[in-house]
Amino acid sequence: MNPDPLAAAIAAAVAGRDSAALAAAVTGTVRLRALLPGGPIEEHGRDAVVARFGRWFAGLDTVEVAEAGGQQLPGRLLIHYRLDLARHGTRWACTQTSVCKIAGGRLATIDLLCSGFREIQG
């Protein structure tokens, strides 16, 4: 993955649980789709998408960006980031990979292709 300013901004907003920054990076009509272990999700609109990202990481003590990158494609951006998470002394790594359509420099669709958590030992 290459360094990409929008991918880095998205990763930082998610890790920082910064709903204002995440909201600024998506369109008002953004659509999020993901097939996760708990089942498929689909959210429509800025408020719903931003709230969904907030709920995923709300109960954690710390969320930090370990790496973030992106690849620009015609009209799309591939975003990949890894977050280091902690709660009550237990640490995890979370990776998320998305293919996003871009409109006016903002994310218009987010197709979350991969989201995984693994516990970090040691």
PDB file of N, CA and C in Angstrom:
ATOM      1  N   MET A   1       0.833  -1.178   0.000  1.00  0.00           N
ATOM      2  CA  MET A   1       0.000   0.000   0.000  1.00  0.00           C
ATOM      3  C   MET A   1       0.876   1.238   0.000  1.00  0.00           C
ATOM      4  N   ASN A   2       0.420   2.229  -0.664  1.00  0.00           N
ATOM      5  CA  ASN A   2       1.142   3.487  -0.745  1.00  0.00           C
ATOM      6  C   ASN A   2       0.581   4.481   0.263  1.00  0.00           C
ATOM      7  N   PRO A   3       1.401   5.424   0.702  1.00  0.00           N
ATOM      8  CA  PRO A   3       0.849   6.501   1.528  1.00  0.00           C
ATOM      9  C   PRO A   3      -0.217   7.246   0.721  1.00  0.00           C
ATOM     10  N   ASP A   4      -1.313   7.581   1.346  1.00  0.00           N
ATOM     11  CA  ASP A   4      -2.380   8.326   0.684  1.00  0.00           C
ATOM     12  C   ASP A   4      -3.018   9.244   1.720  1.00  0.00           C
ATOM     13  N   PRO A   5      -3.117  10.536   1.445  1.00  0.00           N
ATOM     14  CA  PRO A   5      -3.632  11.475   2.445  1.00  0.00           C
ATOM     15  C   PRO A   5      -5.068  11.177   2.884  1.00  0.00           C
ATOM     16  N   LEU A   6      -5.955  10.810   1.953  1.00  0.00           N
ATOM     17  CA  LEU A   6      -7.336  10.524   2.336  1.00  0.00           C
ATOM     18  C   LEU A   6      -7.418   9.237   3.154  1.00  0.00           C
ATOM     19  N   ALA A   7      -6.680   8.212   2.752  1.00  0.00           N
ATOM     20  CA  ALA A   7      -6.663   6.958   3.517  1.00  0.00           C
ATOM     21  C   ALA A   7      -6.130   7.199   4.928  1.00  0.00           C
ATOM     22  N   ALA A   8      -5.069   7.991   5.044  1.00  0.00           N
ATOM     23  CA  ALA A   8      -4.509   8.303   6.357  1.00  0.00           C
ATOM     24  C   ALA A   8      -5.500   9.098   7.206  1.00  0.00           C
ATOM     25  N   ALA A   9      -6.218  10.037   6.579  1.00  0.00           N
ATOM     26  CA  ALA A   9      -7.207  10.835   7.312  1.00  0.00           C
ATOM     27  C   ALA A   9      -8.357   9.967   7.808  1.00  0.00           C
ATOM     28  N   ILE A  10      -8.799   9.014   6.985  1.00  0.00           N
ATOM     29  CA  ILE A  10      -9.877   8.114   7.399  1.00  0.00           C
ATOM     30  C   ILE A  10      -9.408   7.264   8.572  1.00  0.00           C
ATOM     31  N   ALA A  11      -8.222   6.673   8.462  1.00  0.00           N
ATOM     32  CA  ALA A  11      -7.691   5.838   9.541  1.00  0.00           C
ATOM     33  C   ALA A  11      -7.545   6.644  10.833  1.00  0.00           C
ATOM     34  N   ALA A  12      -7.040   7.858  10.734  1.00  0.00           N
ATOM     35  CA  ALA A  12      -6.874   8.703  11.921  1.00  0.00           C
ATOM     36  C   ALA A  12      -8.216   9.061  12.544  1.00  0.00           C
ATOM     37  N   ALA A  13      -9.212   9.360  11.720  1.00  0.00           N
ATOM     38  CA  ALA A  13     -10.542   9.692  12.246  1.00  0.00           C
ATOM     39  C   ALA A  13     -11.173   8.489  12.940  1.00  0.00           C
ATOM     40  N   VAL A  14     -11.031   7.304  12.343  1.00  0.00           N
ATOM     41  CA  VAL A  14     -11.584   6.095  12.958  1.00  0.00           C
ATOM     42  C   VAL A  14     -10.878   5.823  14.279  1.00  0.00           C
ATOM     43  N   ALA A  15      -9.541   5.845  14.270  1.00  0.00           N
ATOM     44  CA  ALA A  15      -8.774   5.562  15.484  1.00  0.00           C
ATOM     45  C   ALA A  15      -9.026   6.609  16.566  1.00  0.00           C
ATOM     46  N   GLY A  16      -9.136   7.862  16.152  1.00  0.00           N
ATOM     47  CA  GLY A  16      -9.370   8.930  17.113  1.00  0.00           C
ATOM     48  C   GLY A  16     -10.804   9.038  17.568  1.00  0.00           C
ATOM     49  N   ARG A  17     -11.653   8.175  16.983  1.00  0.00           N
ATOM     50  CA  ARG A  17     -13.086   8.216  17.271  1.00  0.00           C
ATOM     51  C   ARG A  17     -13.589   9.643  17.116  1.00  0.00           C
ATOM     52  N   ASP A  18     -13.090  10.257  16.037  1.00  0.00           N
ATOM     53  CA  ASP A  18     -13.363  11.654  15.721  1.00  0.00           C
ATOM     54  C   ASP A  18     -14.506  11.715  14.707  1.00  0.00           C
ATOM     55  N   SER A  19     -15.716  11.786  15.213  1.00  0.00           N
ATOM     56  CA  SER A  19     -16.879  11.749  14.325  1.00  0.00           C
ATOM     57  C   SER A  19     -16.937  12.959  13.400  1.00  0.00           C
ATOM     58  N   ALA A  20     -16.465  14.111  13.849  1.00  0.00           N
ATOM     59  CA  ALA A  20     -16.485  15.305  12.989  1.00  0.00           C
ATOM     60  C   ALA A  20     -15.538  15.132  11.803  1.00  0.00           C
ATOM     61  N   ALA A  21     -14.348  14.595  12.034  1.00  0.00           N
ATOM     62  CA  ALA A  21     -13.384  14.394  10.944  1.00  0.00           C
ATOM     63  C   ALA A  21     -13.873  13.319   9.978  1.00  0.00           C
ATOM     64  N   LEU A  22     -14.459  12.255  10.514  1.00  0.00           N
ATOM     65  CA  LEU A  22     -14.982  11.204   9.646  1.00  0.00           C
ATOM     66  C   LEU A  22     -16.150  11.737   8.826  1.00  0.00           C
ATOM     67  N   ALA A  23     -17.012  12.501   9.452  1.00  0.00           N
ATOM     68  CA  ALA A  23     -18.156  13.085   8.740  1.00  0.00           C
ATOM     69  C   ALA A  23     -17.686  14.007   7.613  1.00  0.00           C
ATOM     70  N   ALA A  24     -16.597  14.736   7.835  1.00  0.00           N
ATOM     71  CA  ALA A  24     -16.082  15.647   6.813  1.00  0.00           C
ATOM     72  C   ALA A  24     -15.480  14.892   5.624  1.00  0.00           C
ATOM     73  N   ALA A  25     -15.110  13.628   5.834  1.00  0.00           N
ATOM     74  CA  ALA A  25     -14.457  12.843   4.777  1.00  0.00           C
ATOM     75  C   ALA A  25     -15.434  12.040   3.934  1.00  0.00           C
ATOM     76  N   VAL A  26     -16.723  12.060   4.286  1.00  0.00           N
ATOM     77  CA  VAL A  26     -17.722  11.291   3.538  1.00  0.00           C
ATOM     78  C   VAL A  26     -18.809  12.221   3.008  1.00  0.00           C
ATOM     79  N   THR A  27     -19.495  11.782   1.955  1.00  0.00           N
ATOM     80  CA  THR A  27     -20.606  12.574   1.418  1.00  0.00           C
ATOM     81  C   THR A  27     -21.826  12.439   2.330  1.00  0.00           C
ATOM     82  N   GLY A  28     -22.778  13.302   2.161  1.00  0.00           N
ATOM     83  CA  GLY A  28     -24.014  13.229   2.943  1.00  0.00           C
ATOM     84  C   GLY A  28     -24.818  11.979   2.652  1.00  0.00           C
ATOM     85  N   THR A  29     -24.631  11.415   1.472  1.00  0.00           N
ATOM     86  CA  THR A  29     -25.388  10.229   1.064  1.00  0.00           C
ATOM     87  C   THR A  29     -24.525   8.973   1.039  1.00  0.00           C
ATOM     88  N   VAL A  30     -23.418   8.980   1.766  1.00  0.00           N
ATOM     89  CA  VAL A  30     -22.494   7.836   1.774  1.00  0.00           C
ATOM     90  C   VAL A  30     -23.236   6.540   2.107  1.00  0.00           C
ATOM     91  N   ARG A  31     -22.781   5.455   1.496  1.00  0.00           N
ATOM     92  CA  ARG A  31     -23.334   4.131   1.767  1.00  0.00           C
ATOM     93  C   ARG A  31     -22.203   3.213   2.207  1.00  0.00           C
ATOM     94  N   LEU A  32     -22.412   2.499   3.306  1.00  0.00           N
ATOM     95  CA  LEU A  32     -21.459   1.532   3.837  1.00  0.00           C
ATOM     96  C   LEU A  32     -22.064   0.143   3.721  1.00  0.00           C
ATOM     97  N   ARG A  33     -21.298  -0.794   3.155  1.00  0.00           N
ATOM     98  CA  ARG A  33     -21.694  -2.206   3.112  1.00  0.00           C
ATOM     99  C   ARG A  33     -20.543  -3.036   3.645  1.00  0.00           C
ATOM    100  N   ALA A  34     -20.878  -4.040   4.445  1.00  0.00           N
ATOM    101  CA  ALA A  34     -19.854  -4.939   4.979  1.00  0.00           C
ATOM    102  C   ALA A  34     -20.479  -6.279   5.318  1.00  0.00           C
ATOM    103  N   LEU A  35     -19.725  -7.326   5.078  1.00  0.00           N
ATOM    104  CA  LEU A  35     -20.106  -8.662   5.511  1.00  0.00           C
ATOM    105  C   LEU A  35     -19.135  -9.028   6.623  1.00  0.00           C
ATOM    106  N   LEU A  36     -19.619  -9.014   7.849  1.00  0.00           N
ATOM    107  CA  LEU A  36     -18.787  -9.233   9.019  1.00  0.00           C
ATOM    108  C   LEU A  36     -19.183 -10.533   9.713  1.00  0.00           C
ATOM    109  N   PRO A  37     -18.325 -11.046  10.607  1.00  0.00           N
ATOM    110  CA  PRO A  37     -18.664 -12.293  11.300  1.00  0.00           C
ATOM    111  C   PRO A  37     -20.027 -12.266  12.003  1.00  0.00           C
ATOM    112  N   GLY A  38     -20.443 -11.099  12.477  1.00  0.00           N
ATOM    113  CA  GLY A  38     -21.743 -10.972  13.128  1.00  0.00           C
ATOM    114  C   GLY A  38     -22.902 -10.860  12.156  1.00  0.00           C
ATOM    115  N   GLY A  39     -22.605 -10.821  10.862  1.00  0.00           N
ATOM    116  CA  GLY A  39     -23.635 -10.701   9.843  1.00  0.00           C
ATOM    117  C   GLY A  39     -23.414  -9.479   8.981  1.00  0.00           C
ATOM    118  N   PRO A  40     -24.157  -9.390   7.894  1.00  0.00           N
ATOM    119  CA  PRO A  40     -23.985  -8.253   6.980  1.00  0.00           C
ATOM    120  C   PRO A  40     -24.571  -6.983   7.578  1.00  0.00           C
ATOM    121  N   ILE A  41     -23.963  -5.877   7.216  1.00  0.00           N
ATOM    122  CA  ILE A  41     -24.504  -4.578   7.620  1.00  0.00           C
ATOM    123  C   ILE A  41     -24.586  -3.689   6.394  1.00  0.00           C
ATOM    124  N   GLU A  42     -25.484  -2.775   6.442  1.00  0.00           N
ATOM    125  CA  GLU A  42     -25.583  -1.737   5.425  1.00  0.00           C
ATOM    126  C   GLU A  42     -26.120  -0.498   6.113  1.00  0.00           C
ATOM    127  N   GLU A  43     -25.423   0.594   5.914  1.00  0.00           N
ATOM    128  CA  GLU A  43     -25.829   1.883   6.480  1.00  0.00           C
ATOM    129  C   GLU A  43     -25.884   2.893   5.349  1.00  0.00           C
ATOM    130  N   HIS A  44     -26.821   3.827   5.448  1.00  0.00           N
ATOM    131  CA  HIS A  44     -26.971   4.879   4.436  1.00  0.00           C
ATOM    132  C   HIS A  44     -26.987   6.234   5.117  1.00  0.00           C
ATOM    133  N   GLY A  45     -26.219   7.154   4.567  1.00  0.00           N
ATOM    134  CA  GLY A  45     -26.192   8.516   5.084  1.00  0.00           C
ATOM    135  C   GLY A  45     -25.044   8.749   6.042  1.00  0.00           C
ATOM    136  N   ARG A  46     -24.590   9.989   6.042  1.00  0.00           N
ATOM    137  CA  ARG A  46     -23.430  10.379   6.849  1.00  0.00           C
ATOM    138  C   ARG A  46     -23.596  10.023   8.321  1.00  0.00           C
ATOM    139  N   ASP A  47     -24.702  10.391   8.921  1.00  0.00           N
ATOM    140  CA  ASP A  47     -24.877  10.166  10.356  1.00  0.00           C
ATOM    141  C   ASP A  47     -24.840   8.684  10.720  1.00  0.00           C
ATOM    142  N   ALA A  48     -25.510   7.854   9.922  1.00  0.00           N
ATOM    143  CA  ALA A  48     -25.562   6.413  10.213  1.00  0.00           C
ATOM    144  C   ALA A  48     -24.194   5.761  10.041  1.00  0.00           C
ATOM    145  N   VAL A  49     -23.468   6.141   8.995  1.00  0.00           N
ATOM    146  CA  VAL A  49     -22.149   5.551   8.748  1.00  0.00           C
ATOM    147  C   VAL A  49     -21.166   5.971   9.834  1.00  0.00           C
ATOM    148  N   VAL A  50     -21.139   7.234  10.171  1.00  0.00           N
ATOM    149  CA  VAL A  50     -20.238   7.717  11.212  1.00  0.00           C
ATOM    150  C   VAL A  50     -20.574   7.050  12.549  1.00  0.00           C
ATOM    151  N   ALA A  51     -21.847   6.913  12.856  1.00  0.00           N
ATOM    152  CA  ALA A  51     -22.255   6.256  14.103  1.00  0.00           C
ATOM    153  C   ALA A  51     -21.824   4.794  14.129  1.00  0.00           C
ATOM    154  N   ARG A  52     -21.917   4.101  12.992  1.00  0.00           N
ATOM    155  CA  ARG A  52     -21.515   2.698  12.931  1.00  0.00           C
ATOM    156  C   ARG A  52     -20.033   2.543  13.269  1.00  0.00           C
ATOM    157  N   PHE A  53     -19.169   3.376  12.669  1.00  0.00           N
ATOM    158  CA  PHE A  53     -17.740   3.307  12.982  1.00  0.00           C
ATOM    159  C   PHE A  53     -17.516   3.612  14.459  1.00  0.00           C
ATOM    160  N   GLY A  54     -18.251   4.560  14.995  1.00  0.00           N
ATOM    161  CA  GLY A  54     -18.116   4.894  16.413  1.00  0.00           C
ATOM    162  C   GLY A  54     -18.484   3.737  17.324  1.00  0.00           C
ATOM    163  N   ARG A  55     -19.537   3.015  16.996  1.00  0.00           N
ATOM    164  CA  ARG A  55     -19.956   1.874  17.824  1.00  0.00           C
ATOM    165  C   ARG A  55     -18.944   0.740  17.795  1.00  0.00           C
ATOM    166  N   TRP A  56     -18.279   0.542  16.655  1.00  0.00           N
ATOM    167  CA  TRP A  56     -17.306  -0.550  16.571  1.00  0.00           C
ATOM    168  C   TRP A  56     -16.189  -0.403  17.588  1.00  0.00           C
ATOM    169  N   PHE A  57     -15.783   0.809  17.878  1.00  0.00           N
ATOM    170  CA  PHE A  57     -14.618   1.020  18.728  1.00  0.00           C
ATOM    171  C   PHE A  57     -14.932   1.755  20.028  1.00  0.00           C
ATOM    172  N   ALA A  58     -16.192   1.928  20.362  1.00  0.00           N
ATOM    173  CA  ALA A  58     -16.601   2.741  21.514  1.00  0.00           C
ATOM    174  C   ALA A  58     -16.126   2.185  22.852  1.00  0.00           C
ATOM    175  N   GLY A  59     -16.138   0.885  23.032  1.00  0.00           N
ATOM    176  CA  GLY A  59     -15.822   0.311  24.340  1.00  0.00           C
ATOM    177  C   GLY A  59     -14.353   0.069  24.605  1.00  0.00           C
ATOM    178  N   LEU A  60     -13.490   0.549  23.754  1.00  0.00           N
ATOM    179  CA  LEU A  60     -12.060   0.289  23.899  1.00  0.00           C
ATOM    180  C   LEU A  60     -11.361   1.407  24.662  1.00  0.00           C
ATOM    181  N   ASP A  61     -10.314   1.029  25.394  1.00  0.00           N
ATOM    182  CA  ASP A  61      -9.533   2.029  26.123  1.00  0.00           C
ATOM    183  C   ASP A  61      -8.665   2.850  25.180  1.00  0.00           C
ATOM    184  N   THR A  62      -7.993   2.177  24.227  1.00  0.00           N
ATOM    185  CA  THR A  62      -7.160   2.889  23.262  1.00  0.00           C
ATOM    186  C   THR A  62      -7.369   2.320  21.865  1.00  0.00           C
ATOM    187  N   VAL A  63      -7.271   3.190  20.893  1.00  0.00           N
ATOM    188  CA  VAL A  63      -7.302   2.824  19.479  1.00  0.00           C
ATOM    189  C   VAL A  63      -6.247   3.686  18.800  1.00  0.00           C
ATOM    190  N   GLU A  64      -5.234   3.032  18.203  1.00  0.00           N
ATOM    191  CA  GLU A  64      -4.148   3.764  17.567  1.00  0.00           C
ATOM    192  C   GLU A  64      -3.904   3.217  16.167  1.00  0.00           C
ATOM    193  N   VAL A  65      -3.536   4.097  15.245  1.00  0.00           N
ATOM    194  CA  VAL A  65      -3.201   3.680  13.888  1.00  0.00           C
ATOM    195  C   VAL A  65      -1.800   3.076  13.899  1.00  0.00           C
ATOM    196  N   ALA A  66      -1.691   1.821  13.468  1.00  0.00           N
ATOM    197  CA  ALA A  66      -0.388   1.175  13.338  1.00  0.00           C
ATOM    198  C   ALA A  66       0.161   1.387  11.936  1.00  0.00           C
ATOM    199  N   GLU A  67      -0.712   1.329  10.936  1.00  0.00           N
ATOM    200  CA  GLU A  67      -0.320   1.604   9.557  1.00  0.00           C
ATOM    201  C   GLU A  67      -1.573   1.950   8.763  1.00  0.00           C
ATOM    202  N   ALA A  68      -1.364   2.740   7.739  1.00  0.00           N
ATOM    203  CA  ALA A  68      -2.472   3.113   6.859  1.00  0.00           C
ATOM    204  C   ALA A  68      -1.918   3.393   5.475  1.00  0.00           C
ATOM    205  N   GLY A  69      -2.682   3.023   4.479  1.00  0.00           N
ATOM    206  CA  GLY A  69      -2.262   3.284   3.114  1.00  0.00           C
ATOM    207  C   GLY A  69      -3.443   3.214   2.181  1.00  0.00           C
ATOM    208  N   GLY A  70      -3.179   3.552   0.962  1.00  0.00           N
ATOM    209  CA  GLY A  70      -4.239   3.540  -0.034  1.00  0.00           C
ATOM    210  C   GLY A  70      -3.674   3.393  -1.423  1.00  0.00           C
ATOM    211  N   GLN A  71      -4.558   3.109  -2.327  1.00  0.00           N
ATOM    212  CA  GLN A  71      -4.183   3.039  -3.739  1.00  0.00           C
ATOM    213  C   GLN A  71      -5.291   3.697  -4.538  1.00  0.00           C
ATOM    214  N   GLN A  72      -4.933   4.743  -5.259  1.00  0.00           N
ATOM    215  CA  GLN A  72      -5.889   5.454  -6.095  1.00  0.00           C
ATOM    216  C   GLN A  72      -6.160   4.646  -7.362  1.00  0.00           C
ATOM    217  N   LEU A  73      -7.405   4.455  -7.665  1.00  0.00           N
ATOM    218  CA  LEU A  73      -7.858   3.828  -8.894  1.00  0.00           C
ATOM    219  C   LEU A  73      -8.786   4.833  -9.567  1.00  0.00           C
ATOM    220  N   PRO A  74      -9.086   4.706 -10.840  1.00  0.00           N
ATOM    221  CA  PRO A  74      -9.990   5.675 -11.470  1.00  0.00           C
ATOM    222  C   PRO A  74     -11.351   5.749 -10.736  1.00  0.00           C
ATOM    223  N   GLY A  75     -11.614   6.884 -10.082  1.00  0.00           N
ATOM    224  CA  GLY A  75     -12.877   7.090  -9.374  1.00  0.00           C
ATOM    225  C   GLY A  75     -13.020   6.315  -8.078  1.00  0.00           C
ATOM    226  N   ARG A  76     -11.969   5.635  -7.677  1.00  0.00           N
ATOM    227  CA  ARG A  76     -12.034   4.806  -6.466  1.00  0.00           C
ATOM    228  C   ARG A  76     -10.757   4.964  -5.650  1.00  0.00           C
ATOM    229  N   LEU A  77     -10.870   4.541  -4.399  1.00  0.00           N
ATOM    230  CA  LEU A  77      -9.718   4.510  -3.517  1.00  0.00           C
ATOM    231  C   LEU A  77      -9.776   3.215  -2.727  1.00  0.00           C
ATOM    232  N   LEU A  78      -8.714   2.455  -2.782  1.00  0.00           N
ATOM    233  CA  LEU A  78      -8.567   1.278  -1.942  1.00  0.00           C
ATOM    234  C   LEU A  78      -7.899   1.753  -0.661  1.00  0.00           C
ATOM    235  N   ILE A  79      -8.542   1.510   0.475  1.00  0.00           N
ATOM    236  CA  ILE A  79      -8.021   1.934   1.778  1.00  0.00           C
ATOM    237  C   ILE A  79      -7.727   0.692   2.600  1.00  0.00           C
ATOM    238  N   HIS A  80      -6.541   0.672   3.204  1.00  0.00           N
ATOM    239  CA  HIS A  80      -6.194  -0.413   4.113  1.00  0.00           C
ATOM    240  C   HIS A  80      -5.522   0.205   5.332  1.00  0.00           C
ATOM    241  N   TYR A  81      -5.975  -0.193   6.518  1.00  0.00           N
ATOM    242  CA  TYR A  81      -5.296   0.262   7.725  1.00  0.00           C
ATOM    243  C   TYR A  81      -5.346  -0.818   8.788  1.00  0.00           C
ATOM    244  N   ARG A  82      -4.368  -0.727   9.676  1.00  0.00           N
ATOM    245  CA  ARG A  82      -4.324  -1.617  10.838  1.00  0.00           C
ATOM    246  C   ARG A  82      -4.321  -0.755  12.082  1.00  0.00           C
ATOM    247  N   LEU A  83      -5.208  -1.107  12.998  1.00  0.00           N
ATOM    248  CA  LEU A  83      -5.322  -0.391  14.260  1.00  0.00           C
ATOM    249  C   LEU A  83      -4.841  -1.287  15.394  1.00  0.00           C
ATOM    250  N   ASP A  84      -4.166  -0.686  16.364  1.00  0.00           N
ATOM    251  CA  ASP A  84      -3.827  -1.382  17.601  1.00  0.00           C
ATOM    252  C   ASP A  84      -4.853  -0.950  18.638  1.00  0.00           C
ATOM    253  N   LEU A  85      -5.516  -1.937  19.251  1.00  0.00           N
ATOM    254  CA  LEU A  85      -6.615  -1.694  20.182  1.00  0.00           C
ATOM    255  C   LEU A  85      -6.270  -2.271  21.553  1.00  0.00           C
ATOM    256  N   ALA A  86      -6.828  -1.702  22.601  1.00  0.00           N
ATOM    257  CA  ALA A  86      -6.639  -2.257  23.939  1.00  0.00           C
ATOM    258  C   ALA A  86      -7.877  -1.996  24.778  1.00  0.00           C
ATOM    259  N   ARG A  87      -8.169  -2.998  25.631  1.00  0.00           N
ATOM    260  CA  ARG A  87      -9.245  -2.854  26.611  1.00  0.00           C
ATOM    261  C   ARG A  87      -8.908  -3.735  27.805  1.00  0.00           C
ATOM    262  N   HIS A  88      -8.876  -3.129  28.970  1.00  0.00           N
ATOM    263  CA  HIS A  88      -8.616  -3.848  30.219  1.00  0.00           C
ATOM    264  C   HIS A  88      -7.348  -4.696  30.138  1.00  0.00           C
ATOM    265  N   GLY A  89      -6.286  -4.156  29.536  1.00  0.00           N
ATOM    266  CA  GLY A  89      -5.005  -4.837  29.460  1.00  0.00           C
ATOM    267  C   GLY A  89      -4.863  -5.861  28.340  1.00  0.00           C
ATOM    268  N   THR A  90      -5.931  -6.150  27.621  1.00  0.00           N
ATOM    269  CA  THR A  90      -5.856  -7.068  26.480  1.00  0.00           C
ATOM    270  C   THR A  90      -5.684  -6.236  25.220  1.00  0.00           C
ATOM    271  N   ARG A  91      -4.769  -6.686  24.346  1.00  0.00           N
ATOM    272  CA  ARG A  91      -4.482  -5.948  23.113  1.00  0.00           C
ATOM    273  C   ARG A  91      -4.926  -6.756  21.902  1.00  0.00           C
ATOM    274  N   TRP A  92      -5.410  -6.037  20.884  1.00  0.00           N
ATOM    275  CA  TRP A  92      -5.802  -6.641  19.609  1.00  0.00           C
ATOM    276  C   TRP A  92      -5.239  -5.811  18.471  1.00  0.00           C
ATOM    277  N   ALA A  93      -5.184  -6.447  17.321  1.00  0.00           N
ATOM    278  CA  ALA A  93      -4.936  -5.740  16.071  1.00  0.00           C
ATOM    279  C   ALA A  93      -6.204  -5.872  15.247  1.00  0.00           C
ATOM    280  N   CYS A  94      -6.615  -4.807  14.617  1.00  0.00           N
ATOM    281  CA  CYS A  94      -7.782  -4.816  13.740  1.00  0.00           C
ATOM    282  C   CYS A  94      -7.327  -4.307  12.382  1.00  0.00           C
ATOM    283  N   THR A  95      -7.616  -5.070  11.341  1.00  0.00           N
ATOM    284  CA  THR A  95      -7.322  -4.609   9.991  1.00  0.00           C
ATOM    285  C   THR A  95      -8.635  -4.403   9.252  1.00  0.00           C
ATOM    286  N   GLN A  96      -8.697  -3.347   8.492  1.00  0.00           N
ATOM    287  CA  GLN A  96      -9.858  -3.091   7.657  1.00  0.00           C
ATOM    288  C   GLN A  96      -9.388  -2.689   6.270  1.00  0.00           C
ATOM    289  N   THR A  97     -10.001  -3.297   5.272  1.00  0.00           N
ATOM    290  CA  THR A  97      -9.715  -2.990   3.876  1.00  0.00           C
ATOM    291  C   THR A  97     -11.037  -2.659   3.194  1.00  0.00           C
ATOM    292  N   SER A  98     -11.064  -1.531   2.515  1.00  0.00           N
ATOM    293  CA  SER A  98     -12.280  -1.060   1.857  1.00  0.00           C
ATOM    294  C   SER A  98     -11.976  -0.593   0.444  1.00  0.00           C
ATOM    295  N   VAL A  99     -12.945  -0.792  -0.435  1.00  0.00           N
ATOM    296  CA  VAL A  99     -12.919  -0.171  -1.751  1.00  0.00           C
ATOM    297  C   VAL A  99     -13.993   0.912  -1.708  1.00  0.00           C
ATOM    298  N   CYS A 100     -13.577   2.140  -1.987  1.00  0.00           N
ATOM    299  CA  CYS A 100     -14.480   3.280  -1.849  1.00  0.00           C
ATOM    300  C   CYS A 100     -14.601   4.020  -3.172  1.00  0.00           C
ATOM    301  N   LYS A 101     -15.802   4.470  -3.469  1.00  0.00           N
ATOM    302  CA  LYS A 101     -16.001   5.384  -4.589  1.00  0.00           C
ATOM    303  C   LYS A 101     -15.844   6.794  -4.046  1.00  0.00           C
ATOM    304  N   ILE A 102     -15.235   7.639  -4.863  1.00  0.00           N
ATOM    305  CA  ILE A 102     -14.943   9.011  -4.470  1.00  0.00           C
ATOM    306  C   ILE A 102     -15.830   9.966  -5.260  1.00  0.00           C
ATOM    307  N   ALA A 103     -16.399  10.942  -4.579  1.00  0.00           N
ATOM    308  CA  ALA A 103     -17.180  12.002  -5.226  1.00  0.00           C
ATOM    309  C   ALA A 103     -16.787  13.322  -4.569  1.00  0.00           C
ATOM    310  N   GLY A 104     -16.258  14.223  -5.365  1.00  0.00           N
ATOM    311  CA  GLY A 104     -15.864  15.524  -4.832  1.00  0.00           C
ATOM    312  C   GLY A 104     -14.812  15.443  -3.748  1.00  0.00           C
ATOM    313  N   GLY A 105     -13.919  14.460  -3.829  1.00  0.00           N
ATOM    314  CA  GLY A 105     -12.855  14.308  -2.847  1.00  0.00           C
ATOM    315  C   GLY A 105     -13.287  13.648  -1.551  1.00  0.00           C
ATOM    316  N   ARG A 106     -14.526  13.165  -1.502  1.00  0.00           N
ATOM    317  CA  ARG A 106     -15.043  12.491  -0.299  1.00  0.00           C
ATOM    318  C   ARG A 106     -15.493  11.085  -0.646  1.00  0.00           C
ATOM    319  N   LEU A 107     -15.601  10.240   0.376  1.00  0.00           N
ATOM    320  CA  LEU A 107     -16.059   8.877   0.165  1.00  0.00           C
ATOM    321  C   LEU A 107     -17.567   8.866  -0.056  1.00  0.00           C
ATOM    322  N   ALA A 108     -17.997   8.297  -1.181  1.00  0.00           N
ATOM    323  CA  ALA A 108     -19.423   8.206  -1.499  1.00  0.00           C
ATOM    324  C   ALA A 108     -19.963   6.815  -1.200  1.00  0.00           C
ATOM    325  N   THR A 109     -19.137   5.799  -1.368  1.00  0.00           N
ATOM    326  CA  THR A 109     -19.497   4.440  -0.971  1.00  0.00           C
ATOM    327  C   THR A 109     -18.287   3.815  -0.299  1.00  0.00           C
ATOM    328  N   ILE A 110     -18.560   2.961   0.660  1.00  0.00           N
ATOM    329  CA  ILE A 110     -17.515   2.217   1.365  1.00  0.00           C
ATOM    330  C   ILE A 110     -17.929   0.756   1.340  1.00  0.00           C
ATOM    331  N   ASP A 111     -17.195  -0.052   0.591  1.00  0.00           N
ATOM    332  CA  ASP A 111     -17.422  -1.491   0.580  1.00  0.00           C
ATOM    333  C   ASP A 111     -16.312  -2.113   1.412  1.00  0.00           C
ATOM    334  N   LEU A 112     -16.647  -2.432   2.654  1.00  0.00           N
ATOM    335  CA  LEU A 112     -15.685  -3.002   3.589  1.00  0.00           C
ATOM    336  C   LEU A 112     -15.502  -4.471   3.230  1.00  0.00           C
ATOM    337  N   LEU A 113     -14.348  -4.784   2.661  1.00  0.00           N
ATOM    338  CA  LEU A 113     -14.096  -6.124   2.158  1.00  0.00           C
ATOM    339  C   LEU A 113     -13.548  -7.059   3.220  1.00  0.00           C
ATOM    340  N   CYS A 114     -12.799  -6.526   4.151  1.00  0.00           N
ATOM    341  CA  CYS A 114     -12.147  -7.376   5.135  1.00  0.00           C
ATOM    342  C   CYS A 114     -12.043  -6.606   6.435  1.00  0.00           C
ATOM    343  N   SER A 115     -12.480  -7.223   7.496  1.00  0.00           N
ATOM    344  CA  SER A 115     -12.314  -6.648   8.809  1.00  0.00           C
ATOM    345  C   SER A 115     -11.998  -7.789   9.745  1.00  0.00           C
ATOM    346  N   GLY A 116     -10.861  -7.724  10.373  1.00  0.00           N
ATOM    347  CA  GLY A 116     -10.489  -8.824  11.249  1.00  0.00           C
ATOM    348  C   GLY A 116      -9.819  -8.344  12.511  1.00  0.00           C
ATOM    349  N   PHE A 117     -10.095  -9.048  13.599  1.00  0.00           N
ATOM    350  CA  PHE A 117      -9.469  -8.773  14.889  1.00  0.00           C
ATOM    351  C   PHE A 117      -8.645  -9.993  15.278  1.00  0.00           C
ATOM    352  N   ARG A 118      -7.485  -9.751  15.857  1.00  0.00           N
ATOM    353  CA  ARG A 118      -6.722 -10.843  16.431  1.00  0.00           C
ATOM    354  C   ARG A 118      -6.066 -10.329  17.700  1.00  0.00           C
ATOM    355  N   GLU A 119      -6.012 -11.199  18.699  1.00  0.00           N
ATOM    356  CA  GLU A 119      -5.401 -10.831  19.957  1.00  0.00           C
ATOM    357  C   GLU A 119      -3.887 -10.828  19.800  1.00  0.00           C
ATOM    358  N   ILE A 120      -3.254  -9.845  20.425  1.00  0.00           N
ATOM    359  CA  ILE A 120      -1.804  -9.738  20.399  1.00  0.00           C
ATOM    360  C   ILE A 120      -1.279 -10.298  21.717  1.00  0.00           C
ATOM    361  N   GLN A 121      -0.420 -11.269  21.628  1.00  0.00           N
ATOM    362  CA  GLN A 121       0.166 -11.886  22.814  1.00  0.00           C
ATOM    363  C   GLN A 121       1.433 -11.136  23.221  1.00  0.00           C
ATOM    364  N   GLY A 122       1.657 -11.072  24.537  1.00  0.00           N
ATOM    365  CA  GLY A 122       2.931 -10.525  25.023  1.00  0.00           C
ATOM    366  C   GLY A 122       2.932  -9.117  25.405  1.00  0.00           C
TER     367      GLY A 122
END
